[in-house]
């Protein structure tokens, strides 16, 4: 069994942006926005054509962001999680995403 890890090139210098990437040979668009009221990053996942698959996922430490959506076969079937290189239990603040909080996809 081969373990495939991919670091998505997220960033925190822009408060709202989209990232197009390919996971498991399927193209997706990820939207990221920082919610100042909740003091956290929020993520949406869309098809390459723009159809929303999952919206409003808070980027929290210690969570597989896809685990609650396994029945939707349009989504990647691996594990999508944050890796905080400074404090493994800390969710990313405004300036952390892409710096010490990395978004990692573990393919199946």
N, C-alpha and C. Protein backbone atom coordinates (compact mmCIF):
# COMPACT_ATOMS: atom_id res chain seq x y z
N UNK A 1 0.84 -1.17 0.00
CA UNK A 1 0.00 0.00 0.00
C UNK A 1 0.89 1.24 0.00
N UNK A 2 0.61 2.16 -0.89
CA UNK A 2 1.40 3.37 -1.04
C UNK A 2 0.68 4.53 -0.38
N UNK A 3 1.42 5.32 0.40
CA UNK A 3 0.86 6.47 1.09
C UNK A 3 1.17 7.70 0.26
N UNK A 4 0.11 8.41 -0.15
CA UNK A 4 0.28 9.59 -0.98
C UNK A 4 -0.15 10.82 -0.21
N UNK A 5 0.79 11.73 0.07
CA UNK A 5 0.49 12.98 0.76
C UNK A 5 0.73 14.14 -0.18
N UNK A 6 -0.20 15.10 -0.16
CA UNK A 6 -0.09 16.29 -0.98
C UNK A 6 -0.38 17.50 -0.11
N UNK A 7 0.52 18.47 -0.12
CA UNK A 7 0.29 19.72 0.60
C UNK A 7 -0.36 20.70 -0.36
N UNK A 8 -1.56 21.16 -0.04
CA UNK A 8 -2.23 22.14 -0.87
C UNK A 8 -1.62 23.51 -0.60
N UNK A 9 -1.36 24.28 -1.65
CA UNK A 9 -0.67 25.57 -1.49
C UNK A 9 -1.61 26.68 -0.99
N UNK A 10 -2.01 26.58 0.27
CA UNK A 10 -2.89 27.59 0.86
C UNK A 10 -2.05 28.77 1.37
N UNK A 11 -2.72 29.89 1.60
CA UNK A 11 -2.02 31.09 2.04
C UNK A 11 -2.94 31.91 2.95
N UNK A 12 -2.33 32.80 3.70
CA UNK A 12 -3.12 33.62 4.62
C UNK A 12 -3.00 35.11 4.34
N UNK A 13 -2.27 35.47 3.28
CA UNK A 13 -2.09 36.89 3.00
C UNK A 13 -3.29 37.51 2.26
N UNK A 14 -4.25 36.69 1.86
CA UNK A 14 -5.49 37.16 1.23
C UNK A 14 -6.65 36.58 2.04
N UNK A 15 -7.59 37.43 2.43
CA UNK A 15 -8.70 36.98 3.28
C UNK A 15 -9.76 36.15 2.59
N UNK A 16 -9.78 36.14 1.24
CA UNK A 16 -10.75 35.34 0.49
C UNK A 16 -10.14 35.02 -0.88
N UNK A 17 -10.05 33.74 -1.21
CA UNK A 17 -9.47 33.35 -2.50
C UNK A 17 -9.90 31.94 -2.86
N UNK A 18 -9.63 31.56 -4.11
CA UNK A 18 -9.90 30.21 -4.60
C UNK A 18 -8.61 29.55 -5.04
N UNK A 19 -8.60 28.24 -4.91
CA UNK A 19 -7.46 27.42 -5.29
C UNK A 19 -7.97 26.26 -6.14
N UNK A 20 -7.44 26.11 -7.32
CA UNK A 20 -7.81 24.97 -8.17
C UNK A 20 -6.71 23.93 -8.05
N UNK A 21 -7.12 22.69 -7.78
CA UNK A 21 -6.14 21.62 -7.64
C UNK A 21 -6.75 20.30 -8.04
N UNK A 22 -5.91 19.31 -8.27
CA UNK A 22 -6.35 17.98 -8.65
C UNK A 22 -6.04 17.01 -7.52
N UNK A 23 -7.06 16.27 -7.11
CA UNK A 23 -6.91 15.23 -6.09
C UNK A 23 -7.47 13.93 -6.64
N UNK A 24 -6.73 12.88 -6.56
CA UNK A 24 -7.15 11.58 -7.08
C UNK A 24 -7.61 11.67 -8.53
N UNK A 25 -6.88 12.46 -9.33
CA UNK A 25 -7.11 12.62 -10.76
C UNK A 25 -8.42 13.34 -11.10
N UNK A 26 -8.97 14.08 -10.14
CA UNK A 26 -10.19 14.88 -10.35
C UNK A 26 -9.87 16.32 -9.97
N UNK A 27 -10.31 17.26 -10.79
CA UNK A 27 -10.06 18.68 -10.53
C UNK A 27 -11.14 19.25 -9.61
N UNK A 28 -10.70 20.02 -8.62
CA UNK A 28 -11.58 20.67 -7.66
C UNK A 28 -11.20 22.14 -7.52
N UNK A 29 -12.17 22.94 -7.08
CA UNK A 29 -11.91 24.31 -6.70
C UNK A 29 -12.21 24.45 -5.22
N UNK A 30 -11.22 24.89 -4.47
CA UNK A 30 -11.38 25.13 -3.03
C UNK A 30 -11.49 26.64 -2.83
N UNK A 31 -12.47 27.06 -2.04
CA UNK A 31 -12.60 28.47 -1.68
C UNK A 31 -12.24 28.61 -0.21
N UNK A 32 -11.47 29.62 0.11
CA UNK A 32 -11.06 29.90 1.49
C UNK A 32 -11.42 31.34 1.82
N UNK A 33 -11.96 31.54 3.01
CA UNK A 33 -12.25 32.89 3.48
C UNK A 33 -12.03 32.93 4.99
N UNK A 34 -11.54 34.06 5.46
CA UNK A 34 -11.35 34.22 6.89
C UNK A 34 -12.56 34.95 7.46
N UNK A 35 -13.21 34.31 8.43
CA UNK A 35 -14.38 34.89 9.10
C UNK A 35 -13.87 35.60 10.35
N UNK A 36 -13.88 36.93 10.31
CA UNK A 36 -13.34 37.70 11.43
C UNK A 36 -14.19 37.56 12.68
N UNK A 37 -15.49 37.41 12.52
CA UNK A 37 -16.37 37.27 13.69
C UNK A 37 -16.07 35.97 14.44
N UNK A 38 -15.90 34.88 13.69
CA UNK A 38 -15.61 33.58 14.31
C UNK A 38 -14.10 33.39 14.54
N UNK A 39 -13.28 34.27 13.96
CA UNK A 39 -11.83 34.20 14.06
C UNK A 39 -11.30 32.85 13.57
N UNK A 40 -11.78 32.44 12.36
CA UNK A 40 -11.33 31.18 11.79
C UNK A 40 -11.49 31.19 10.27
N UNK A 41 -10.74 30.29 9.66
CA UNK A 41 -10.82 30.08 8.22
C UNK A 41 -11.97 29.13 7.90
N UNK A 42 -12.66 29.41 6.80
CA UNK A 42 -13.77 28.59 6.33
C UNK A 42 -13.44 28.12 4.91
N UNK A 43 -13.81 26.87 4.60
CA UNK A 43 -13.48 26.30 3.29
C UNK A 43 -14.74 25.75 2.62
N UNK A 44 -14.83 25.94 1.31
CA UNK A 44 -15.84 25.30 0.47
C UNK A 44 -15.11 24.45 -0.56
N UNK A 45 -15.76 23.39 -1.00
CA UNK A 45 -15.20 22.54 -2.06
C UNK A 45 -16.21 22.49 -3.19
N UNK A 46 -15.73 22.76 -4.41
CA UNK A 46 -16.59 22.76 -5.59
C UNK A 46 -16.00 21.85 -6.66
N UNK A 47 -16.86 21.46 -7.59
CA UNK A 47 -16.37 20.75 -8.75
C UNK A 47 -15.58 21.72 -9.61
N UNK A 48 -14.87 21.21 -10.59
CA UNK A 48 -14.12 22.06 -11.51
C UNK A 48 -15.07 23.01 -12.26
N UNK A 49 -16.31 22.58 -12.42
CA UNK A 49 -17.31 23.40 -13.10
C UNK A 49 -18.02 24.40 -12.20
N UNK A 50 -17.69 24.41 -10.90
CA UNK A 50 -18.25 25.40 -9.99
C UNK A 50 -19.42 24.93 -9.14
N UNK A 51 -19.84 23.67 -9.27
CA UNK A 51 -20.94 23.15 -8.44
C UNK A 51 -20.44 22.96 -7.00
N UNK A 52 -21.14 23.53 -6.04
CA UNK A 52 -20.73 23.41 -4.63
C UNK A 52 -21.01 21.99 -4.14
N UNK A 53 -19.99 21.34 -3.65
CA UNK A 53 -20.11 20.00 -3.06
C UNK A 53 -20.27 20.09 -1.56
N UNK A 54 -19.47 20.94 -0.93
CA UNK A 54 -19.50 21.14 0.52
C UNK A 54 -19.21 22.61 0.78
N UNK A 55 -19.99 23.24 1.65
CA UNK A 55 -19.78 24.66 1.94
C UNK A 55 -19.70 24.90 3.44
N UNK A 56 -18.87 25.86 3.81
CA UNK A 56 -18.81 26.32 5.20
C UNK A 56 -18.07 25.42 6.17
N UNK A 57 -17.06 24.70 5.70
CA UNK A 57 -16.29 23.83 6.59
C UNK A 57 -15.28 24.68 7.37
N UNK A 58 -15.40 24.73 8.71
CA UNK A 58 -14.39 25.47 9.48
C UNK A 58 -13.08 24.67 9.52
N UNK A 59 -11.96 25.35 9.31
CA UNK A 59 -10.66 24.69 9.34
C UNK A 59 -10.18 24.61 10.78
N UNK A 60 -10.45 23.48 11.39
CA UNK A 60 -10.11 23.23 12.79
C UNK A 60 -9.05 22.16 12.89
N UNK A 61 -8.25 22.22 13.92
CA UNK A 61 -7.21 21.22 14.15
C UNK A 61 -7.83 19.88 14.52
N UNK A 62 -7.18 18.80 14.11
CA UNK A 62 -7.58 17.46 14.51
C UNK A 62 -8.83 16.93 13.84
N UNK A 63 -9.16 17.44 12.64
CA UNK A 63 -10.39 17.05 11.96
C UNK A 63 -10.08 16.55 10.56
N UNK A 64 -10.72 15.44 10.16
CA UNK A 64 -10.72 15.01 8.77
C UNK A 64 -11.91 15.72 8.14
N UNK A 65 -11.66 16.72 7.31
CA UNK A 65 -12.72 17.57 6.78
C UNK A 65 -13.68 16.83 5.87
N UNK A 66 -13.31 15.68 5.36
CA UNK A 66 -14.16 14.94 4.44
C UNK A 66 -14.91 13.78 5.10
N UNK A 67 -14.63 13.49 6.36
CA UNK A 67 -15.17 12.28 6.99
C UNK A 67 -16.70 12.24 7.03
N UNK A 68 -17.34 13.37 7.16
CA UNK A 68 -18.80 13.39 7.22
C UNK A 68 -19.49 13.35 5.87
N UNK A 69 -18.69 13.27 4.81
CA UNK A 69 -19.25 13.35 3.46
C UNK A 69 -18.85 12.17 2.58
N UNK A 70 -18.50 11.05 3.19
CA UNK A 70 -18.00 9.89 2.44
C UNK A 70 -19.02 9.35 1.43
N UNK A 71 -20.30 9.55 1.67
CA UNK A 71 -21.32 9.04 0.76
C UNK A 71 -21.32 9.76 -0.58
N UNK A 72 -20.79 10.98 -0.62
CA UNK A 72 -20.75 11.74 -1.86
C UNK A 72 -19.49 11.34 -2.63
N UNK A 73 -19.66 10.52 -3.64
CA UNK A 73 -18.52 9.98 -4.39
C UNK A 73 -17.88 11.02 -5.30
N UNK A 74 -18.48 12.21 -5.41
CA UNK A 74 -17.86 13.29 -6.19
C UNK A 74 -16.71 13.93 -5.45
N UNK A 75 -16.67 13.75 -4.12
CA UNK A 75 -15.60 14.31 -3.29
C UNK A 75 -14.40 13.38 -3.26
N UNK A 76 -13.22 13.90 -2.98
CA UNK A 76 -12.05 13.03 -2.81
C UNK A 76 -12.32 12.02 -1.69
N UNK A 77 -11.85 10.82 -1.85
CA UNK A 77 -12.12 9.75 -0.88
C UNK A 77 -11.03 9.58 0.16
N UNK A 78 -9.98 10.40 0.09
CA UNK A 78 -8.90 10.34 1.06
C UNK A 78 -9.21 11.17 2.29
N UNK A 79 -8.16 11.56 2.99
CA UNK A 79 -8.28 12.33 4.23
C UNK A 79 -7.70 13.72 3.99
N UNK A 80 -8.46 14.75 4.36
CA UNK A 80 -8.03 16.13 4.23
C UNK A 80 -7.96 16.72 5.63
N UNK A 81 -6.78 17.20 6.03
CA UNK A 81 -6.60 17.65 7.41
C UNK A 81 -5.57 18.77 7.48
N UNK A 82 -5.56 19.46 8.63
CA UNK A 82 -4.56 20.49 8.91
C UNK A 82 -3.40 19.89 9.69
N UNK A 83 -2.22 20.31 9.36
CA UNK A 83 -1.03 19.94 10.11
C UNK A 83 -0.42 21.24 10.63
N UNK A 84 -0.51 21.45 11.93
CA UNK A 84 0.07 22.64 12.54
C UNK A 84 1.47 22.29 13.00
N UNK A 85 2.45 22.97 12.45
CA UNK A 85 3.85 22.64 12.73
C UNK A 85 4.35 23.26 14.03
N UNK A 86 3.54 24.12 14.66
CA UNK A 86 3.93 24.76 15.91
C UNK A 86 3.19 24.16 17.09
N UNK A 87 1.87 24.02 16.97
CA UNK A 87 1.02 23.48 18.04
C UNK A 87 -0.03 22.60 17.40
N UNK A 88 0.13 21.28 17.51
CA UNK A 88 -0.74 20.34 16.79
C UNK A 88 -2.22 20.49 17.13
N UNK A 89 -2.55 21.11 18.25
CA UNK A 89 -3.95 21.26 18.65
C UNK A 89 -4.53 22.63 18.32
N UNK A 90 -3.74 23.50 17.71
CA UNK A 90 -4.19 24.87 17.44
C UNK A 90 -4.76 24.98 16.02
N UNK A 91 -5.96 25.53 15.93
CA UNK A 91 -6.56 25.82 14.64
C UNK A 91 -5.92 27.11 14.10
N UNK A 92 -5.88 27.26 12.78
CA UNK A 92 -5.16 28.40 12.21
C UNK A 92 -5.84 29.74 12.45
N UNK A 93 -5.05 30.71 12.89
CA UNK A 93 -5.51 32.08 13.02
C UNK A 93 -5.36 32.79 11.69
N UNK A 94 -5.61 34.05 11.67
CA UNK A 94 -5.62 34.86 10.44
C UNK A 94 -4.32 34.72 9.65
N UNK A 95 -3.18 34.68 10.29
CA UNK A 95 -1.90 34.66 9.59
C UNK A 95 -1.23 33.29 9.55
N UNK A 96 -1.93 32.25 9.99
CA UNK A 96 -1.31 30.93 10.11
C UNK A 96 -1.45 30.02 8.89
N UNK A 97 -2.54 30.15 8.15
CA UNK A 97 -2.82 29.22 7.06
C UNK A 97 -1.72 29.32 6.00
N UNK A 98 -1.09 28.19 5.72
CA UNK A 98 -0.01 28.15 4.75
C UNK A 98 1.35 28.46 5.34
N UNK A 99 1.37 28.97 6.54
CA UNK A 99 2.64 29.25 7.23
C UNK A 99 2.94 28.11 8.19
N UNK A 100 2.35 28.13 9.39
CA UNK A 100 2.55 27.02 10.32
C UNK A 100 1.35 26.06 10.33
N UNK A 101 0.28 26.40 9.62
CA UNK A 101 -0.88 25.50 9.48
C UNK A 101 -0.97 25.09 8.02
N UNK A 102 -0.66 23.83 7.75
CA UNK A 102 -0.61 23.31 6.38
C UNK A 102 -1.83 22.44 6.11
N UNK A 103 -2.40 22.56 4.92
CA UNK A 103 -3.54 21.74 4.53
C UNK A 103 -2.99 20.56 3.74
N UNK A 104 -3.23 19.35 4.25
CA UNK A 104 -2.66 18.13 3.71
C UNK A 104 -3.76 17.20 3.22
N UNK A 105 -3.56 16.61 2.04
CA UNK A 105 -4.47 15.58 1.55
C UNK A 105 -3.71 14.27 1.50
N UNK A 106 -4.28 13.25 2.14
CA UNK A 106 -3.72 11.90 2.12
C UNK A 106 -4.61 11.06 1.21
N UNK A 107 -4.11 10.75 0.03
CA UNK A 107 -4.86 9.97 -0.93
C UNK A 107 -4.98 8.52 -0.53
N UNK A 108 -5.92 7.85 -1.16
CA UNK A 108 -6.14 6.43 -0.84
C UNK A 108 -5.45 5.54 -1.85
